[in-house]
All heavy atoms as atom14 arrays in JSON, in Angstrom:
{
  "sequence": "RSADAEHVTAVTLQTVGGDIESVPFSKEHGAVQFDLPDSAIAAVA",
  "atom14_mask": [
    [1, 1, 1, 1, 1, 1, 1, 1, 1, 1, 1, 0, 0, 0],
    [1, 1, 1, 1, 1, 1, 0, 0, 0, 0, 0, 0, 0, 0],
    [1, 1, 1, 1, 1, 0, 0, 0, 0, 0, 0, 0, 0, 0],
    [1, 1, 1, 1, 1, 1, 1, 1, 0, 0, 0, 0, 0, 0],
    [1, 1, 1, 1, 1, 0, 0, 0, 0, 0, 0, 0, 0, 0],
    [1, 1, 1, 1, 1, 1, 1, 1, 1, 0, 0, 0, 0, 0],
    [1, 1, 1, 1, 1, 1, 1, 1, 1, 1, 0, 0, 0, 0],
    [1, 1, 1, 1, 1, 1, 1, 0, 0, 0, 0, 0, 0, 0],
    [1, 1, 1, 1, 1, 1, 1, 0, 0, 0, 0, 0, 0, 0],
    [1, 1, 1, 1, 1, 0, 0, 0, 0, 0, 0, 0, 0, 0],
    [1, 1, 1, 1, 1, 1, 1, 0, 0, 0, 0, 0, 0, 0],
    [1, 1, 1, 1, 1, 1, 1, 0, 0, 0, 0, 0, 0, 0],
    [1, 1, 1, 1, 1, 1, 1, 1, 0, 0, 0, 0, 0, 0],
    [1, 1, 1, 1, 1, 1, 1, 1, 1, 0, 0, 0, 0, 0],
    [1, 1, 1, 1, 1, 1, 1, 0, 0, 0, 0, 0, 0, 0],
    [1, 1, 1, 1, 1, 1, 1, 0, 0, 0, 0, 0, 0, 0],
    [1, 1, 1, 1, 0, 0, 0, 0, 0, 0, 0, 0, 0, 0],
    [1, 1, 1, 1, 0, 0, 0, 0, 0, 0, 0, 0, 0, 0],
    [1, 1, 1, 1, 1, 1, 1, 1, 0, 0, 0, 0, 0, 0],
    [1, 1, 1, 1, 1, 1, 1, 1, 0, 0, 0, 0, 0, 0],
    [1, 1, 1, 1, 1, 1, 1, 1, 1, 0, 0, 0, 0, 0],
    [1, 1, 1, 1, 1, 1, 0, 0, 0, 0, 0, 0, 0, 0],
    [1, 1, 1, 1, 1, 1, 1, 0, 0, 0, 0, 0, 0, 0],
    [1, 1, 1, 1, 1, 1, 1, 0, 0, 0, 0, 0, 0, 0],
    [1, 1, 1, 1, 1, 1, 1, 1, 1, 1, 1, 0, 0, 0],
    [1, 1, 1, 1, 1, 1, 0, 0, 0, 0, 0, 0, 0, 0],
    [1, 1, 1, 1, 1, 1, 1, 1, 1, 0, 0, 0, 0, 0],
    [1, 1, 1, 1, 1, 1, 1, 1, 1, 0, 0, 0, 0, 0],
    [1, 1, 1, 1, 1, 1, 1, 1, 1, 1, 0, 0, 0, 0],
    [1, 1, 1, 1, 0, 0, 0, 0, 0, 0, 0, 0, 0, 0],
    [1, 1, 1, 1, 1, 0, 0, 0, 0, 0, 0, 0, 0, 0],
    [1, 1, 1, 1, 1, 1, 1, 0, 0, 0, 0, 0, 0, 0],
    [1, 1, 1, 1, 1, 1, 1, 1, 1, 0, 0, 0, 0, 0],
    [1, 1, 1, 1, 1, 1, 1, 1, 1, 1, 1, 0, 0, 0],
    [1, 1, 1, 1, 1, 1, 1, 1, 0, 0, 0, 0, 0, 0],
    [1, 1, 1, 1, 1, 1, 1, 1, 0, 0, 0, 0, 0, 0],
    [1, 1, 1, 1, 1, 1, 1, 0, 0, 0, 0, 0, 0, 0],
    [1, 1, 1, 1, 1, 1, 1, 1, 0, 0, 0, 0, 0, 0],
    [1, 1, 1, 1, 1, 1, 0, 0, 0, 0, 0, 0, 0, 0],
    [1, 1, 1, 1, 1, 0, 0, 0, 0, 0, 0, 0, 0, 0],
    [1, 1, 1, 1, 1, 1, 1, 1, 0, 0, 0, 0, 0, 0],
    [1, 1, 1, 1, 1, 0, 0, 0, 0, 0, 0, 0, 0, 0],
    [1, 1, 1, 1, 1, 0, 0, 0, 0, 0, 0, 0, 0, 0],
    [1, 1, 1, 1, 1, 1, 1, 0, 0, 0, 0, 0, 0, 0],
    [1, 1, 1, 1, 1, 0, 0, 0, 0, 0, 0, 0, 0, 0]
  ],
  "atom14_positions": [
    [[-31.06, -22.97, -1.3], [-32.37, -22.17, -1.41], [-33.51, -23.13, -1.51], [-33.51, -24.05, -2.33], [-32.29, -21.29, -2.61], [-33.36, -20.22, -2.65], [-33.11, -19.19, -3.79], [-31.88, -18.42, -3.55], [-31.85, -17.37, -2.75], [-32.86, -16.94, -2.07], [-30.7, -16.71, -2.65], [0.0, 0.0, 0.0], [0.0, 0.0, 0.0], [0.0, 0.0, 0.0]],
    [[-34.5, -22.96, -0.65], [-35.66, -23.84, -0.53], [-36.82, -23.13, 0.06], [-36.63, -22.15, 0.86], [-35.34, -25.08, 0.31], [-36.5, -25.82, 0.61], [0.0, 0.0, 0.0], [0.0, 0.0, 0.0], [0.0, 0.0, 0.0], [0.0, 0.0, 0.0], [0.0, 0.0, 0.0], [0.0, 0.0, 0.0], [0.0, 0.0, 0.0], [0.0, 0.0, 0.0]],
    [[-38.07, -23.54, -0.36], [-39.24, -22.92, 0.24], [-39.32, -23.3, 1.71], [-39.99, -22.6, 2.49], [-40.49, -23.45, -0.48], [0.0, 0.0, 0.0], [0.0, 0.0, 0.0], [0.0, 0.0, 0.0], [0.0, 0.0, 0.0], [0.0, 0.0, 0.0], [0.0, 0.0, 0.0], [0.0, 0.0, 0.0], [0.0, 0.0, 0.0], [0.0, 0.0, 0.0]],
    [[-38.62, -24.31, 2.14], [-38.57, -24.7, 3.62], [-37.43, -24.07, 4.39], [-37.23, -24.37, 5.54], [-38.42, -26.22, 3.74], [-39.69, -26.95, 3.19], [-40.78, -26.37, 3.36], [-39.57, -28.11, 2.74], [0.0, 0.0, 0.0], [0.0, 0.0, 0.0], [0.0, 0.0, 0.0], [0.0, 0.0, 0.0], [0.0, 0.0, 0.0], [0.0, 0.0, 0.0]],
    [[-36.68, -23.21, 3.76], [-35.5, -22.63, 4.45], [-35.79, -21.99, 5.83], [-35.07, -22.11, 6.74], [-34.79, -21.64, 3.54], [0.0, 0.0, 0.0], [0.0, 0.0, 0.0], [0.0, 0.0, 0.0], [0.0, 0.0, 0.0], [0.0, 0.0, 0.0], [0.0, 0.0, 0.0], [0.0, 0.0, 0.0], [0.0, 0.0, 0.0], [0.0, 0.0, 0.0]],
    [[-36.93, -21.27, 5.92], [-37.28, -20.66, 7.15], [-37.56, -21.58, 8.27], [-37.54, -21.24, 9.45], [-38.42, -19.68, 6.97], [-39.75, -20.38, 6.59], [-40.89, -19.38, 6.4], [-40.7, -18.47, 5.58], [-41.94, -19.52, 6.97], [0.0, 0.0, 0.0], [0.0, 0.0, 0.0], [0.0, 0.0, 0.0], [0.0, 0.0, 0.0], [0.0, 0.0, 0.0]],
    [[-37.79, -22.87, 8.0], [-38.09, -23.92, 8.96], [-36.89, -24.77, 9.38], [-37.03, -25.64, 10.18], [-39.22, -24.86, 8.44], [-40.48, -24.08, 8.13], [-41.3, -23.48, 9.0], [-41.03, -23.79, 6.88], [-42.29, -22.9, 8.43], [-42.21, -23.08, 7.13], [0.0, 0.0, 0.0], [0.0, 0.0, 0.0], [0.0, 0.0, 0.0], [0.0, 0.0, 0.0]],
    [[-35.69, -24.45, 8.86], [-34.57, -25.2, 9.24], [-34.12, -24.81, 10.58], [-34.0, -23.67, 10.99], [-33.39, -24.94, 8.18], [-32.08, -25.55, 8.66], [-33.77, -25.44, 6.81], [0.0, 0.0, 0.0], [0.0, 0.0, 0.0], [0.0, 0.0, 0.0], [0.0, 0.0, 0.0], [0.0, 0.0, 0.0], [0.0, 0.0, 0.0], [0.0, 0.0, 0.0]],
    [[-33.88, -25.89, 11.41], [-33.54, -25.67, 12.82], [-32.05, -26.14, 13.08], [-31.46, -25.77, 14.09], [-34.41, -26.47, 13.77], [-34.41, -27.82, 13.45], [-35.85, -25.96, 13.62], [0.0, 0.0, 0.0], [0.0, 0.0, 0.0], [0.0, 0.0, 0.0], [0.0, 0.0, 0.0], [0.0, 0.0, 0.0], [0.0, 0.0, 0.0], [0.0, 0.0, 0.0]],
    [[-31.49, -27.0, 12.26], [-30.09, -27.47, 12.37], [-29.62, -27.94, 11.06], [-30.34, -28.34, 10.19], [-30.08, -28.58, 13.42], [0.0, 0.0, 0.0], [0.0, 0.0, 0.0], [0.0, 0.0, 0.0], [0.0, 0.0, 0.0], [0.0, 0.0, 0.0], [0.0, 0.0, 0.0], [0.0, 0.0, 0.0], [0.0, 0.0, 0.0], [0.0, 0.0, 0.0]],
    [[-28.23, -27.94, 10.92], [-27.63, -28.46, 9.72], [-26.45, -29.39, 10.27], [-25.67, -29.0, 11.1], [-26.97, -27.32, 8.85], [-26.18, -27.88, 7.68], [-28.06, -26.39, 8.36], [0.0, 0.0, 0.0], [0.0, 0.0, 0.0], [0.0, 0.0, 0.0], [0.0, 0.0, 0.0], [0.0, 0.0, 0.0], [0.0, 0.0, 0.0], [0.0, 0.0, 0.0]],
    [[-26.46, -30.59, 9.7], [-25.39, -31.51, 10.01], [-24.74, -31.86, 8.69], [-25.26, -31.79, 7.57], [-25.95, -32.81, 10.66], [-26.96, -33.4, 9.86], [-26.46, -32.55, 12.03], [0.0, 0.0, 0.0], [0.0, 0.0, 0.0], [0.0, 0.0, 0.0], [0.0, 0.0, 0.0], [0.0, 0.0, 0.0], [0.0, 0.0, 0.0], [0.0, 0.0, 0.0]],
    [[-23.39, -32.25, 8.85], [-22.63, -32.53, 7.66], [-21.86, -33.83, 7.92], [-21.32, -34.03, 9.03], [-21.61, -31.33, 7.5], [-20.78, -31.34, 6.22], [-21.71, -31.06, 5.0], [-19.74, -30.27, 6.34], [0.0, 0.0, 0.0], [0.0, 0.0, 0.0], [0.0, 0.0, 0.0], [0.0, 0.0, 0.0], [0.0, 0.0, 0.0], [0.0, 0.0, 0.0]],
    [[-21.86, -34.68, 6.89], [-21.11, -35.9, 7.03], [-20.18, -35.98, 5.82], [-20.61, -35.94, 4.65], [-21.95, -37.16, 7.02], [-21.04, -38.39, 7.17], [-21.88, -39.69, 7.41], [-23.06, -39.69, 7.3], [-21.2, -40.78, 7.79], [0.0, 0.0, 0.0], [0.0, 0.0, 0.0], [0.0, 0.0, 0.0], [0.0, 0.0, 0.0], [0.0, 0.0, 0.0]],
    [[-18.85, -35.96, 6.09], [-17.82, -36.03, 5.0], [-17.52, -37.46, 4.82], [-17.77, -38.37, 5.6], [-16.6, -35.21, 5.38], [-16.08, -35.73, 6.65], [-16.91, -33.72, 5.47], [0.0, 0.0, 0.0], [0.0, 0.0, 0.0], [0.0, 0.0, 0.0], [0.0, 0.0, 0.0], [0.0, 0.0, 0.0], [0.0, 0.0, 0.0], [0.0, 0.0, 0.0]],
    [[-16.86, -37.76, 3.6], [-16.52, -39.16, 3.36], [-15.53, -39.68, 4.39], [-14.55, -39.06, 4.72], [-15.79, -39.22, 1.96], [-15.25, -40.61, 1.63], [-16.68, -38.68, 0.84], [0.0, 0.0, 0.0], [0.0, 0.0, 0.0], [0.0, 0.0, 0.0], [0.0, 0.0, 0.0], [0.0, 0.0, 0.0], [0.0, 0.0, 0.0], [0.0, 0.0, 0.0]],
    [[-15.92, -40.81, 5.0], [-15.14, -41.44, 6.04], [-15.16, -40.61, 7.36], [-14.44, -41.0, 8.33], [0.0, 0.0, 0.0], [0.0, 0.0, 0.0], [0.0, 0.0, 0.0], [0.0, 0.0, 0.0], [0.0, 0.0, 0.0], [0.0, 0.0, 0.0], [0.0, 0.0, 0.0], [0.0, 0.0, 0.0], [0.0, 0.0, 0.0], [0.0, 0.0, 0.0]],
    [[-16.01, -39.59, 7.49], [-16.03, -38.8, 8.73], [-17.29, -39.04, 9.51], [-18.27, -39.8, 9.08], [0.0, 0.0, 0.0], [0.0, 0.0, 0.0], [0.0, 0.0, 0.0], [0.0, 0.0, 0.0], [0.0, 0.0, 0.0], [0.0, 0.0, 0.0], [0.0, 0.0, 0.0], [0.0, 0.0, 0.0], [0.0, 0.0, 0.0], [0.0, 0.0, 0.0]],
    [[-17.37, -38.42, 10.68], [-18.55, -38.5, 11.55], [-19.59, -37.47, 11.11], [-19.28, -36.46, 10.39], [-18.14, -38.25, 13.02], [-17.26, -39.35, 13.53], [-17.42, -40.49, 13.11], [-16.42, -39.04, 14.32], [0.0, 0.0, 0.0], [0.0, 0.0, 0.0], [0.0, 0.0, 0.0], [0.0, 0.0, 0.0], [0.0, 0.0, 0.0], [0.0, 0.0, 0.0]],
    [[-20.8, -37.61, 11.6], [-21.81, -36.56, 11.32], [-21.64, -35.52, 12.34], [-21.51, -35.75, 13.56], [-23.22, -37.14, 11.51], [-23.44, -38.26, 10.46], [-24.34, -36.07, 11.43], [-24.69, -39.04, 10.64], [0.0, 0.0, 0.0], [0.0, 0.0, 0.0], [0.0, 0.0, 0.0], [0.0, 0.0, 0.0], [0.0, 0.0, 0.0], [0.0, 0.0, 0.0]],
    [[-21.44, -34.24, 11.91], [-21.19, -33.13, 12.79], [-22.11, -31.99, 12.51], [-22.52, -31.7, 11.41], [-19.75, -32.54, 12.5], [-18.64, -33.56, 12.81], [-17.34, -33.02, 12.52], [-17.14, -31.74, 12.55], [-16.37, -33.77, 12.28], [0.0, 0.0, 0.0], [0.0, 0.0, 0.0], [0.0, 0.0, 0.0], [0.0, 0.0, 0.0], [0.0, 0.0, 0.0]],
    [[-22.58, -31.3, 13.61], [-23.41, -30.11, 13.44], [-22.53, -28.95, 12.94], [-21.37, -28.86, 13.37], [-24.0, -29.69, 14.8], [-24.95, -30.66, 15.18], [0.0, 0.0, 0.0], [0.0, 0.0, 0.0], [0.0, 0.0, 0.0], [0.0, 0.0, 0.0], [0.0, 0.0, 0.0], [0.0, 0.0, 0.0], [0.0, 0.0, 0.0], [0.0, 0.0, 0.0]],
    [[-23.08, -28.14, 12.09], [-22.31, -26.99, 11.6], [-23.12, -25.75, 11.8], [-24.38, -25.75, 11.72], [-21.93, -27.14, 10.08], [-20.99, -28.25, 9.9], [-23.2, -27.38, 9.19], [0.0, 0.0, 0.0], [0.0, 0.0, 0.0], [0.0, 0.0, 0.0], [0.0, 0.0, 0.0], [0.0, 0.0, 0.0], [0.0, 0.0, 0.0], [0.0, 0.0, 0.0]],
    [[-22.49, -24.62, 12.09], [-23.22, -23.37, 12.26], [-23.77, -22.91, 10.88], [-23.2, -23.22, 9.88], [-22.14, -22.33, 12.69], [-20.84, -23.07, 12.8], [-21.08, -24.52, 12.37], [0.0, 0.0, 0.0], [0.0, 0.0, 0.0], [0.0, 0.0, 0.0], [0.0, 0.0, 0.0], [0.0, 0.0, 0.0], [0.0, 0.0, 0.0], [0.0, 0.0, 0.0]],
    [[-24.95, -22.3, 10.95], [-25.6, -21.86, 9.7], [-26.37, -20.58, 9.96], [-26.57, -20.18, 11.11], [-26.54, -22.92, 9.15], [-27.77, -23.16, 10.05], [-28.93, -22.53, 9.7], [-27.71, -23.89, 11.21], [-30.07, -22.69, 10.56], [-28.85, -24.08, 12.01], [-30.05, -23.45, 11.66], [0.0, 0.0, 0.0], [0.0, 0.0, 0.0], [0.0, 0.0, 0.0]],
    [[-26.67, -19.98, 8.87], [-27.55, -18.75, 8.94], [-28.64, -18.87, 7.9], [-28.55, -19.69, 6.95], [-26.69, -17.47, 8.68], [-26.11, -17.48, 7.43], [0.0, 0.0, 0.0], [0.0, 0.0, 0.0], [0.0, 0.0, 0.0], [0.0, 0.0, 0.0], [0.0, 0.0, 0.0], [0.0, 0.0, 0.0], [0.0, 0.0, 0.0], [0.0, 0.0, 0.0]],
    [[-29.63, -18.1, 8.05], [-30.82, -18.05, 7.15], [-30.99, -16.66, 6.65], [-30.93, -15.69, 7.45], [-32.07, -18.52, 7.8], [-32.04, -19.94, 8.31], [-33.35, -20.44, 8.79], [-33.48, -20.18, 10.26], [-34.68, -20.81, 10.83], [0.0, 0.0, 0.0], [0.0, 0.0, 0.0], [0.0, 0.0, 0.0], [0.0, 0.0, 0.0], [0.0, 0.0, 0.0]],
    [[-31.11, -16.53, 5.32], [-31.28, -15.22, 4.75], [-31.99, -15.24, 3.39], [-31.56, -16.1, 2.54], [-29.86, -14.56, 4.57], [-29.92, -13.14, 4.12], [-28.5, -12.55, 4.12], [-27.72, -12.79, 5.05], [-28.2, -11.88, 3.16], [0.0, 0.0, 0.0], [0.0, 0.0, 0.0], [0.0, 0.0, 0.0], [0.0, 0.0, 0.0], [0.0, 0.0, 0.0]],
    [[-33.03, -14.52, 3.21], [-33.71, -14.43, 1.95], [-34.09, -15.75, 1.27], [-33.82, -16.01, 0.2], [-32.89, -13.61, 0.94], [-32.52, -12.28, 1.4], [-33.4, -11.29, 1.7], [-31.31, -11.76, 1.74], [-32.78, -10.25, 2.1], [-31.48, -10.47, 2.16], [0.0, 0.0, 0.0], [0.0, 0.0, 0.0], [0.0, 0.0, 0.0], [0.0, 0.0, 0.0]],
    [[-34.71, -16.67, 2.08], [-35.14, -17.89, 1.63], [-34.1, -18.95, 1.34], [-34.26, -19.89, 0.66], [0.0, 0.0, 0.0], [0.0, 0.0, 0.0], [0.0, 0.0, 0.0], [0.0, 0.0, 0.0], [0.0, 0.0, 0.0], [0.0, 0.0, 0.0], [0.0, 0.0, 0.0], [0.0, 0.0, 0.0], [0.0, 0.0, 0.0], [0.0, 0.0, 0.0]],
    [[-32.89, -18.76, 2.03], [-31.8, -19.72, 1.82], [-31.08, -19.95, 3.11], [-31.13, -19.16, 4.08], [-30.79, -19.12, 0.83], [0.0, 0.0, 0.0], [0.0, 0.0, 0.0], [0.0, 0.0, 0.0], [0.0, 0.0, 0.0], [0.0, 0.0, 0.0], [0.0, 0.0, 0.0], [0.0, 0.0, 0.0], [0.0, 0.0, 0.0], [0.0, 0.0, 0.0]],
    [[-30.49, -21.12, 3.22], [-29.69, -21.53, 4.39], [-28.28, -21.52, 3.91], [-27.9, -22.06, 2.79], [-30.05, -22.93, 4.85], [-29.13, -23.38, 5.99], [-31.49, -22.97, 5.28], [0.0, 0.0, 0.0], [0.0, 0.0, 0.0], [0.0, 0.0, 0.0], [0.0, 0.0, 0.0], [0.0, 0.0, 0.0], [0.0, 0.0, 0.0], [0.0, 0.0, 0.0]],
    [[-27.35, -20.91, 4.71], [-25.91, -20.77, 4.32], [-25.08, -21.41, 5.42], [-25.33, -21.24, 6.63], [-25.57, -19.32, 4.14], [-26.36, -18.63, 3.11], [-26.21, -17.1, 3.05], [-25.07, -16.7, 3.08], [-27.25, -16.43, 3.04], [0.0, 0.0, 0.0], [0.0, 0.0, 0.0], [0.0, 0.0, 0.0], [0.0, 0.0, 0.0], [0.0, 0.0, 0.0]],
    [[-24.04, -22.11, 5.0], [-23.06, -22.68, 5.94], [-21.76, -22.94, 5.27], [-21.69, -22.85, 4.0], [-23.6, -24.01, 6.56], [-23.99, -25.05, 5.52], [-23.07, -25.99, 5.11], [-25.29, -25.05, 5.0], [-23.43, -26.92, 4.15], [-25.62, -25.97, 4.04], [-24.75, -26.9, 3.61], [0.0, 0.0, 0.0], [0.0, 0.0, 0.0], [0.0, 0.0, 0.0]],
    [[-20.72, -23.12, 5.99], [-19.36, -23.33, 5.4], [-19.04, -24.8, 5.39], [-19.25, -25.58, 6.37], [-18.3, -22.57, 6.28], [-18.39, -21.09, 5.98], [-18.93, -20.66, 4.98], [-17.93, -20.4, 6.93], [0.0, 0.0, 0.0], [0.0, 0.0, 0.0], [0.0, 0.0, 0.0], [0.0, 0.0, 0.0], [0.0, 0.0, 0.0], [0.0, 0.0, 0.0]],
    [[-18.31, -25.23, 4.3], [-17.72, -26.53, 4.32], [-16.38, -26.45, 4.84], [-15.62, -25.51, 4.54], [-17.64, -27.08, 2.86], [-18.89, -27.59, 2.19], [-18.56, -27.98, 0.8], [-19.45, -28.79, 2.92], [0.0, 0.0, 0.0], [0.0, 0.0, 0.0], [0.0, 0.0, 0.0], [0.0, 0.0, 0.0], [0.0, 0.0, 0.0], [0.0, 0.0, 0.0]],
    [[-15.95, -27.4, 5.66], [-14.52, -27.38, 6.13], [-13.57, -27.52, 4.96], [-13.9, -28.18, 3.97], [-14.48, -28.5, 7.15], [-15.68, -29.28, 7.01], [-16.67, -28.53, 6.19], [0.0, 0.0, 0.0], [0.0, 0.0, 0.0], [0.0, 0.0, 0.0], [0.0, 0.0, 0.0], [0.0, 0.0, 0.0], [0.0, 0.0, 0.0], [0.0, 0.0, 0.0]],
    [[-12.35, -26.99, 5.13], [-11.39, -27.1, 4.05], [-11.02, -28.48, 3.68], [-10.59, -28.69, 2.52], [-10.11, -26.24, 4.34], [-9.44, -26.7, 5.62], [-9.91, -27.64, 6.28], [-8.38, -26.07, 5.94], [0.0, 0.0, 0.0], [0.0, 0.0, 0.0], [0.0, 0.0, 0.0], [0.0, 0.0, 0.0], [0.0, 0.0, 0.0], [0.0, 0.0, 0.0]],
    [[-11.17, -29.41, 4.57], [-10.74, -30.84, 4.27], [-11.86, -31.59, 3.52], [-11.63, -32.67, 3.02], [-10.53, -31.59, 5.53], [-11.7, -31.56, 6.38], [0.0, 0.0, 0.0], [0.0, 0.0, 0.0], [0.0, 0.0, 0.0], [0.0, 0.0, 0.0], [0.0, 0.0, 0.0], [0.0, 0.0, 0.0], [0.0, 0.0, 0.0], [0.0, 0.0, 0.0]],
    [[-13.06, -30.94, 3.37], [-14.17, -31.69, 2.67], [-13.97, -31.72, 1.15], [-13.91, -30.66, 0.48], [-15.46, -31.02, 3.04], [0.0, 0.0, 0.0], [0.0, 0.0, 0.0], [0.0, 0.0, 0.0], [0.0, 0.0, 0.0], [0.0, 0.0, 0.0], [0.0, 0.0, 0.0], [0.0, 0.0, 0.0], [0.0, 0.0, 0.0], [0.0, 0.0, 0.0]],
    [[-13.92, -32.93, 0.66], [-13.91, -33.0, -0.87], [-15.32, -33.49, -1.28], [-15.83, -33.0, -2.32], [-12.89, -34.12, -1.22], [-11.51, -33.61, -0.88], [-13.01, -34.45, -2.68], [-10.42, -34.6, -1.06], [0.0, 0.0, 0.0], [0.0, 0.0, 0.0], [0.0, 0.0, 0.0], [0.0, 0.0, 0.0], [0.0, 0.0, 0.0], [0.0, 0.0, 0.0]],
    [[-15.97, -34.26, -0.5], [-17.39, -34.72, -0.76], [-18.06, -34.88, 0.61], [-17.44, -35.24, 1.61], [-17.4, -36.02, -1.5], [0.0, 0.0, 0.0], [0.0, 0.0, 0.0], [0.0, 0.0, 0.0], [0.0, 0.0, 0.0], [0.0, 0.0, 0.0], [0.0, 0.0, 0.0], [0.0, 0.0, 0.0], [0.0, 0.0, 0.0], [0.0, 0.0, 0.0]],
    [[-19.36, -34.52, 0.6], [-20.11, -34.51, 1.87], [-21.63, -34.52, 1.56], [-22.02, -34.24, 0.43], [-19.81, -33.25, 2.69], [0.0, 0.0, 0.0], [0.0, 0.0, 0.0], [0.0, 0.0, 0.0], [0.0, 0.0, 0.0], [0.0, 0.0, 0.0], [0.0, 0.0, 0.0], [0.0, 0.0, 0.0], [0.0, 0.0, 0.0], [0.0, 0.0, 0.0]],
    [[-22.34, -34.9, 2.61], [-23.82, -34.82, 2.57], [-24.27, -33.9, 3.66], [-23.84, -34.1, 4.82], [-24.47, -36.17, 2.67], [-26.03, -36.07, 2.79], [-24.12, -37.14, 1.57], [0.0, 0.0, 0.0], [0.0, 0.0, 0.0], [0.0, 0.0, 0.0], [0.0, 0.0, 0.0], [0.0, 0.0, 0.0], [0.0, 0.0, 0.0], [0.0, 0.0, 0.0]],
    [[-24.96, -32.88, 3.31], [-25.54, -31.94, 4.31], [-26.98, -32.3, 4.51], [-27.73, -32.59, 3.55], [-25.43, -30.48, 3.82], [0.0, 0.0, 0.0], [0.0, 0.0, 0.0], [0.0, 0.0, 0.0], [0.0, 0.0, 0.0], [0.0, 0.0, 0.0], [0.0, 0.0, 0.0], [0.0, 0.0, 0.0], [0.0, 0.0, 0.0], [0.0, 0.0, 0.0]]
  ]
}
């Protein structure tokens, strides 16, 4: 949830030891929502 949520155009995710990947996302009520893959223990979005 962020005041900038309506301006988000893409979400990328980098997991530990993994590549940077684009992930599908949605925007709703001032928040951006996306799924973490089941293999993700730690990541930076």
